[in-house]
Amino acid sequence: MLQMGAYAMALEHTVGIIPDILMIFVATRERSQVFAVQGGTIEKYKQKWLEAVQKYYSEILPGLEAEPVSMTAD
């Protein structure tokens, strides 16, 4: 659902579409399922996505050591 929140924000930012409902379709040989979220639930997961991104930038990223990247062919 976090990914759905991120997709909703991407739609709003890139093309100005604010989705009323988001759906995930899962199909296997045994069965098919549909998960739908709307309204306040979309807003909840958009907020949870923003919190996850903030945590990444404030807690995880600073602890990673970046390795230098060579721009020449070896």
PDB file of N, CA and C in Angstrom:
ATOM      1  N   MET A   1       0.812  -1.190   0.000  1.00  0.00           N
ATOM      2  CA  MET A   1       0.000   0.000   0.000  1.00  0.00           C
ATOM      3  C   MET A   1       0.865   1.268   0.000  1.00  0.00           C
ATOM      4  N   LEU A   2       2.069   1.178   0.577  1.00  0.00           N
ATOM      5  CA  LEU A   2       2.963   2.337   0.513  1.00  0.00           C
ATOM      6  C   LEU A   2       3.267   2.686  -0.941  1.00  0.00           C
ATOM      7  N   GLN A   3       3.484   1.661  -1.745  1.00  0.00           N
ATOM      8  CA  GLN A   3       3.771   1.892  -3.156  1.00  0.00           C
ATOM      9  C   GLN A   3       2.576   2.554  -3.841  1.00  0.00           C
ATOM     10  N   MET A   4       1.375   2.154  -3.469  1.00  0.00           N
ATOM     11  CA  MET A   4       0.181   2.779  -4.044  1.00  0.00           C
ATOM     12  C   MET A   4       0.109   4.258  -3.641  1.00  0.00           C
ATOM     13  N   GLY A   5       0.453   4.558  -2.406  1.00  0.00           N
ATOM     14  CA  GLY A   5       0.492   5.952  -1.978  1.00  0.00           C
ATOM     15  C   GLY A   5       1.488   6.760  -2.787  1.00  0.00           C
ATOM     16  N   ALA A   6       2.655   6.144  -3.050  1.00  0.00           N
ATOM     17  CA  ALA A   6       3.674   6.814  -3.860  1.00  0.00           C
ATOM     18  C   ALA A   6       3.169   7.035  -5.286  1.00  0.00           C
ATOM     19  N   TYR A   7       2.493   6.039  -5.853  1.00  0.00           N
ATOM     20  CA  TYR A   7       1.944   6.194  -7.205  1.00  0.00           C
ATOM     21  C   TYR A   7       0.891   7.306  -7.247  1.00  0.00           C
ATOM     22  N   ALA A   8       0.061   7.388  -6.222  1.00  0.00           N
ATOM     23  CA  ALA A   8      -0.960   8.442  -6.180  1.00  0.00           C
ATOM     24  C   ALA A   8      -0.296   9.814  -6.174  1.00  0.00           C
ATOM     25  N   MET A   9       0.772   9.951  -5.381  1.00  0.00           N
ATOM     26  CA  MET A   9       1.483  11.224  -5.338  1.00  0.00           C
ATOM     27  C   MET A   9       2.153  11.528  -6.674  1.00  0.00           C
ATOM     28  N   ALA A  10       2.678  10.504  -7.325  1.00  0.00           N
ATOM     29  CA  ALA A  10       3.319  10.699  -8.626  1.00  0.00           C
ATOM     30  C   ALA A  10       2.302  11.175  -9.662  1.00  0.00           C
ATOM     31  N   LEU A  11       1.121  10.588  -9.664  1.00  0.00           N
ATOM     32  CA  LEU A  11       0.071  11.026 -10.587  1.00  0.00           C
ATOM     33  C   LEU A  11      -0.292  12.486 -10.359  1.00  0.00           C
ATOM     34  N   GLU A  12      -0.441  12.848  -9.095  1.00  0.00           N
ATOM     35  CA  GLU A  12      -0.790  14.229  -8.775  1.00  0.00           C
ATOM     36  C   GLU A  12       0.308  15.191  -9.231  1.00  0.00           C
ATOM     37  N   HIS A  13       1.550  14.818  -8.985  1.00  0.00           N
ATOM     38  CA  HIS A  13       2.676  15.700  -9.300  1.00  0.00           C
ATOM     39  C   HIS A  13       2.936  15.819 -10.807  1.00  0.00           C
ATOM     40  N   THR A  14       2.874  14.700 -11.519  1.00  0.00           N
ATOM     41  CA  THR A  14       3.272  14.720 -12.933  1.00  0.00           C
ATOM     42  C   THR A  14       2.164  15.131 -13.892  1.00  0.00           C
ATOM     43  N   VAL A  15       0.944  14.667 -13.662  1.00  0.00           N
ATOM     44  CA  VAL A  15      -0.130  14.953 -14.618  1.00  0.00           C
ATOM     45  C   VAL A  15      -1.352  15.625 -13.993  1.00  0.00           C
ATOM     46  N   GLY A  16      -1.286  15.898 -12.691  1.00  0.00           N
ATOM     47  CA  GLY A  16      -2.373  16.616 -12.039  1.00  0.00           C
ATOM     48  C   GLY A  16      -3.619  15.798 -11.787  1.00  0.00           C
ATOM     49  N   ILE A  17      -3.509  14.477 -11.848  1.00  0.00           N
ATOM     50  CA  ILE A  17      -4.659  13.614 -11.588  1.00  0.00           C
ATOM     51  C   ILE A  17      -4.661  13.217 -10.120  1.00  0.00           C
ATOM     52  N   ILE A  18      -5.780  13.433  -9.455  1.00  0.00           N
ATOM     53  CA  ILE A  18      -5.934  13.001  -8.069  1.00  0.00           C
ATOM     54  C   ILE A  18      -6.870  11.793  -8.078  1.00  0.00           C
ATOM     55  N   PRO A  19      -6.327  10.597  -7.855  1.00  0.00           N
ATOM     56  CA  PRO A  19      -7.165   9.397  -7.960  1.00  0.00           C
ATOM     57  C   PRO A  19      -8.178   9.297  -6.827  1.00  0.00           C
ATOM     58  N   ASP A  20      -9.383   8.842  -7.176  1.00  0.00           N
ATOM     59  CA  ASP A  20     -10.433   8.609  -6.190  1.00  0.00           C
ATOM     60  C   ASP A  20     -10.319   7.213  -5.585  1.00  0.00           C
ATOM     61  N   ILE A  21      -9.786   6.296  -6.386  1.00  0.00           N
ATOM     62  CA  ILE A  21      -9.662   4.904  -5.950  1.00  0.00           C
ATOM     63  C   ILE A  21      -8.396   4.319  -6.561  1.00  0.00           C
ATOM     64  N   LEU A  22      -7.733   3.469  -5.813  1.00  0.00           N
ATOM     65  CA  LEU A  22      -6.558   2.754  -6.295  1.00  0.00           C
ATOM     66  C   LEU A  22      -6.842   1.264  -6.170  1.00  0.00           C
ATOM     67  N   MET A  23      -6.432   0.493  -7.167  1.00  0.00           N
ATOM     68  CA  MET A  23      -6.723  -0.937  -7.151  1.00  0.00           C
ATOM     69  C   MET A  23      -5.484  -1.748  -7.485  1.00  0.00           C
ATOM     70  N   ILE A  24      -5.364  -2.875  -6.811  1.00  0.00           N
ATOM     71  CA  ILE A  24      -4.318  -3.843  -7.101  1.00  0.00           C
ATOM     72  C   ILE A  24      -5.022  -5.132  -7.497  1.00  0.00           C
ATOM     73  N   PHE A  25      -4.608  -5.689  -8.618  1.00  0.00           N
ATOM     74  CA  PHE A  25      -5.153  -6.960  -9.084  1.00  0.00           C
ATOM     75  C   PHE A  25      -4.071  -8.023  -8.943  1.00  0.00           C
ATOM     76  N   VAL A  26      -4.409  -9.128  -8.295  1.00  0.00           N
ATOM     77  CA  VAL A  26      -3.471 -10.234  -8.111  1.00  0.00           C
ATOM     78  C   VAL A  26      -4.132 -11.477  -8.689  1.00  0.00           C
ATOM     79  N   ALA A  27      -3.457 -12.113  -9.633  1.00  0.00           N
ATOM     80  CA  ALA A  27      -4.016 -13.306 -10.256  1.00  0.00           C
ATOM     81  C   ALA A  27      -2.998 -14.438 -10.219  1.00  0.00           C
ATOM     82  N   THR A  28      -3.437 -15.573  -9.733  1.00  0.00           N
ATOM     83  CA  THR A  28      -2.636 -16.787  -9.759  1.00  0.00           C
ATOM     84  C   THR A  28      -3.482 -17.867 -10.414  1.00  0.00           C
ATOM     85  N   ARG A  29      -2.910 -19.035 -10.597  1.00  0.00           N
ATOM     86  CA  ARG A  29      -3.696 -20.126 -11.186  1.00  0.00           C
ATOM     87  C   ARG A  29      -4.847 -20.531 -10.272  1.00  0.00           C
ATOM     88  N   GLU A  30      -4.633 -20.383  -8.973  1.00  0.00           N
ATOM     89  CA  GLU A  30      -5.646 -20.821  -8.016  1.00  0.00           C
ATOM     90  C   GLU A  30      -6.795 -19.830  -7.845  1.00  0.00           C
ATOM     91  N   ARG A  31      -6.474 -18.514  -7.858  1.00  0.00           N
ATOM     92  CA  ARG A  31      -7.520 -17.525  -7.648  1.00  0.00           C
ATOM     93  C   ARG A  31      -7.074 -16.136  -8.075  1.00  0.00           C
ATOM     94  N   SER A  32      -8.039 -15.256  -8.178  1.00  0.00           N
ATOM     95  CA  SER A  32      -7.784 -13.848  -8.479  1.00  0.00           C
ATOM     96  C   SER A  32      -8.310 -13.012  -7.326  1.00  0.00           C
ATOM     97  N   GLN A  33      -7.604 -11.912  -7.038  1.00  0.00           N
ATOM     98  CA  GLN A  33      -8.011 -11.027  -5.959  1.00  0.00           C
ATOM     99  C   GLN A  33      -7.920  -9.585  -6.427  1.00  0.00           C
ATOM    100  N   VAL A  34      -8.775  -8.750  -5.864  1.00  0.00           N
ATOM    101  CA  VAL A  34      -8.744  -7.318  -6.134  1.00  0.00           C
ATOM    102  C   VAL A  34      -8.736  -6.598  -4.782  1.00  0.00           C
ATOM    103  N   PHE A  35      -7.773  -5.700  -4.617  1.00  0.00           N
ATOM    104  CA  PHE A  35      -7.686  -4.879  -3.419  1.00  0.00           C
ATOM    105  C   PHE A  35      -7.934  -3.434  -3.849  1.00  0.00           C
ATOM    106  N   ALA A  36      -8.876  -2.776  -3.205  1.00  0.00           N
ATOM    107  CA  ALA A  36      -9.198  -1.393  -3.555  1.00  0.00           C
ATOM    108  C   ALA A  36      -9.093  -0.515  -2.315  1.00  0.00           C
ATOM    109  N   VAL A  37      -8.501   0.654  -2.502  1.00  0.00           N
ATOM    110  CA  VAL A  37      -8.441   1.645  -1.427  1.00  0.00           C
ATOM    111  C   VAL A  37      -8.937   2.972  -1.984  1.00  0.00           C
ATOM    112  N   GLN A  38      -9.523   3.765  -1.118  1.00  0.00           N
ATOM    113  CA  GLN A  38     -10.036   5.057  -1.568  1.00  0.00           C
ATOM    114  C   GLN A  38     -10.020   6.061  -0.440  1.00  0.00           C
ATOM    115  N   GLY A  39     -10.262   7.308  -0.793  1.00  0.00           N
ATOM    116  CA  GLY A  39     -10.428   8.395   0.162  1.00  0.00           C
ATOM    117  C   GLY A  39      -9.344   8.529   1.206  1.00  0.00           C
ATOM    118  N   GLY A  40      -9.765   8.456   2.464  1.00  0.00           N
ATOM    119  CA  GLY A  40      -8.854   8.647   3.586  1.00  0.00           C
ATOM    120  C   GLY A  40      -7.761   7.605   3.658  1.00  0.00           C
ATOM    121  N   THR A  41      -8.030   6.410   3.145  1.00  0.00           N
ATOM    122  CA  THR A  41      -7.013   5.362   3.155  1.00  0.00           C
ATOM    123  C   THR A  41      -5.874   5.724   2.216  1.00  0.00           C
ATOM    124  N   ILE A  42      -6.195   6.295   1.054  1.00  0.00           N
ATOM    125  CA  ILE A  42      -5.143   6.757   0.135  1.00  0.00           C
ATOM    126  C   ILE A  42      -4.299   7.815   0.838  1.00  0.00           C
ATOM    127  N   GLU A  43      -4.947   8.753   1.480  1.00  0.00           N
ATOM    128  CA  GLU A  43      -4.220   9.824   2.174  1.00  0.00           C
ATOM    129  C   GLU A  43      -3.323   9.261   3.273  1.00  0.00           C
ATOM    130  N   LYS A  44      -3.809   8.242   3.986  1.00  0.00           N
ATOM    131  CA  LYS A  44      -3.029   7.619   5.050  1.00  0.00           C
ATOM    132  C   LYS A  44      -1.741   7.017   4.490  1.00  0.00           C
ATOM    133  N   TYR A  45      -1.839   6.315   3.377  1.00  0.00           N
ATOM    134  CA  TYR A  45      -0.654   5.675   2.809  1.00  0.00           C
ATOM    135  C   TYR A  45       0.264   6.665   2.106  1.00  0.00           C
ATOM    136  N   LYS A  46      -0.274   7.759   1.612  1.00  0.00           N
ATOM    137  CA  LYS A  46       0.598   8.825   1.088  1.00  0.00           C
ATOM    138  C   LYS A  46       1.446   9.386   2.222  1.00  0.00           C
ATOM    139  N   GLN A  47       0.845   9.595   3.377  1.00  0.00           N
ATOM    140  CA  GLN A  47       1.575  10.110   4.536  1.00  0.00           C
ATOM    141  C   GLN A  47       2.610   9.095   5.020  1.00  0.00           C
ATOM    142  N   LYS A  48       2.228   7.825   5.059  1.00  0.00           N
ATOM    143  CA  LYS A  48       3.170   6.785   5.480  1.00  0.00           C
ATOM    144  C   LYS A  48       4.351   6.705   4.505  1.00  0.00           C
ATOM    145  N   TRP A  49       4.101   6.902   3.211  1.00  0.00           N
ATOM    146  CA  TRP A  49       5.178   6.908   2.228  1.00  0.00           C
ATOM    147  C   TRP A  49       6.144   8.062   2.499  1.00  0.00           C
ATOM    148  N   LEU A  50       5.593   9.242   2.732  1.00  0.00           N
ATOM    149  CA  LEU A  50       6.442  10.398   3.024  1.00  0.00           C
ATOM    150  C   LEU A  50       7.271  10.171   4.286  1.00  0.00           C
ATOM    151  N   GLU A  51       6.693   9.533   5.288  1.00  0.00           N
ATOM    152  CA  GLU A  51       7.435   9.222   6.511  1.00  0.00           C
ATOM    153  C   GLU A  51       8.576   8.242   6.231  1.00  0.00           C
ATOM    154  N   ALA A  52       8.326   7.244   5.381  1.00  0.00           N
ATOM    155  CA  ALA A  52       9.364   6.279   5.029  1.00  0.00           C
ATOM    156  C   ALA A  52      10.506   6.952   4.271  1.00  0.00           C
ATOM    157  N   VAL A  53      10.169   7.850   3.356  1.00  0.00           N
ATOM    158  CA  VAL A  53      11.199   8.574   2.599  1.00  0.00           C
ATOM    159  C   VAL A  53      12.011   9.457   3.534  1.00  0.00           C
ATOM    160  N   GLN A  54      11.337  10.145   4.443  1.00  0.00           N
ATOM    161  CA  GLN A  54      12.033  11.000   5.403  1.00  0.00           C
ATOM    162  C   GLN A  54      12.976  10.174   6.274  1.00  0.00           C
ATOM    163  N   LYS A  55      12.532   9.015   6.714  1.00  0.00           N
ATOM    164  CA  LYS A  55      13.374   8.140   7.533  1.00  0.00           C
ATOM    165  C   LYS A  55      14.598   7.694   6.742  1.00  0.00           C
ATOM    166  N   TYR A  56      14.416   7.362   5.481  1.00  0.00           N
ATOM    167  CA  TYR A  56      15.540   6.957   4.641  1.00  0.00           C
ATOM    168  C   TYR A  56      16.582   8.068   4.580  1.00  0.00           C
ATOM    169  N   TYR A  57      16.136   9.278   4.285  1.00  0.00           N
ATOM    170  CA  TYR A  57      17.077  10.388   4.142  1.00  0.00           C
ATOM    171  C   TYR A  57      17.709  10.814   5.464  1.00  0.00           C
ATOM    172  N   SER A  58      16.999  10.683   6.565  1.00  0.00           N
ATOM    173  CA  SER A  58      17.551  11.146   7.835  1.00  0.00           C
ATOM    174  C   SER A  58      18.314  10.077   8.604  1.00  0.00           C
ATOM    175  N   GLU A  59      17.923   8.799   8.465  1.00  0.00           N
ATOM    176  CA  GLU A  59      18.539   7.753   9.271  1.00  0.00           C
ATOM    177  C   GLU A  59      19.400   6.769   8.487  1.00  0.00           C
ATOM    178  N   ILE A  60      18.975   6.386   7.317  1.00  0.00           N
ATOM    179  CA  ILE A  60      19.663   5.328   6.586  1.00  0.00           C
ATOM    180  C   ILE A  60      20.735   5.868   5.653  1.00  0.00           C
ATOM    181  N   LEU A  61      20.401   6.822   4.821  1.00  0.00           N
ATOM    182  CA  LEU A  61      21.338   7.354   3.839  1.00  0.00           C
ATOM    183  C   LEU A  61      22.613   7.910   4.466  1.00  0.00           C
ATOM    184  N   PRO A  62      22.525   8.686   5.555  1.00  0.00           N
ATOM    185  CA  PRO A  62      23.757   9.226   6.136  1.00  0.00           C
ATOM    186  C   PRO A  62      24.725   8.143   6.622  1.00  0.00           C
ATOM    187  N   GLY A  63      24.228   6.967   6.958  1.00  0.00           N
ATOM    188  CA  GLY A  63      25.079   5.887   7.445  1.00  0.00           C
ATOM    189  C   GLY A  63      25.736   5.071   6.348  1.00  0.00           C
ATOM    190  N   LEU A  64      25.326   5.271   5.119  1.00  0.00           N
ATOM    191  CA  LEU A  64      25.903   4.513   4.007  1.00  0.00           C
ATOM    192  C   LEU A  64      27.178   5.181   3.519  1.00  0.00           C
ATOM    193  N   GLU A  65      28.153   4.366   3.254  1.00  0.00           N
ATOM    194  CA  GLU A  65      29.387   4.908   2.685  1.00  0.00           C
ATOM    195  C   GLU A  65      29.340   4.721   1.178  1.00  0.00           C
ATOM    196  N   ALA A  66      29.456   5.813   0.466  1.00  0.00           N
ATOM    197  CA  ALA A  66      29.419   5.756  -0.988  1.00  0.00           C
ATOM    198  C   ALA A  66      30.802   5.377  -1.510  1.00  0.00           C
ATOM    199  N   GLU A  67      30.814   4.475  -2.486  1.00  0.00           N
ATOM    200  CA  GLU A  67      32.060   4.099  -3.122  1.00  0.00           C
ATOM    201  C   GLU A  67      32.250   4.995  -4.347  1.00  0.00           C
ATOM    202  N   PRO A  68      33.495   5.424  -4.591  1.00  0.00           N
ATOM    203  CA  PRO A  68      33.730   6.243  -5.770  1.00  0.00           C
ATOM    204  C   PRO A  68      33.406   5.480  -7.048  1.00  0.00           C
ATOM    205  N   VAL A  69      32.875   6.204  -8.013  1.00  0.00           N
ATOM    206  CA  VAL A  69      32.525   5.603  -9.288  1.00  0.00           C
ATOM    207  C   VAL A  69      33.537   6.062 -10.326  1.00  0.00           C
ATOM    208  N   SER A  70      34.114   5.102 -11.044  1.00  0.00           N
ATOM    209  CA  SER A  70      35.070   5.430 -12.095  1.00  0.00           C
ATOM    210  C   SER A  70      34.311   5.730 -13.374  1.00  0.00           C
ATOM    211  N   MET A  71      34.667   6.816 -14.036  1.00  0.00           N
ATOM    212  CA  MET A  71      33.997   7.196 -15.277  1.00  0.00           C
ATOM    213  C   MET A  71      34.826   6.801 -16.501  1.00  0.00           C
ATOM    214  N   THR A  72      35.843   5.977 -16.305  1.00  0.00           N
ATOM    215  CA  THR A  72      36.675   5.526 -17.423  1.00  0.00           C
ATOM    216  C   THR A  72      36.543   4.029 -17.590  1.00  0.00           C
ATOM    217  N   ALA A  73      36.724   3.570 -18.821  1.00  0.00           N
ATOM    218  CA  ALA A  73      36.667   2.126 -19.081  1.00  0.00           C
ATOM    219  C   ALA A  73      37.977   1.500 -18.648  1.00  0.00           C
ATOM    220  N   ASP A  74      37.897   0.409 -17.943  1.00  0.00           N
ATOM    221  CA  ASP A  74      39.103  -0.292 -17.480  1.00  0.00           C
ATOM    222  C   ASP A  74      39.504  -1.389 -18.431  1.00  0.00           C
TER     223      ASP A  74
END
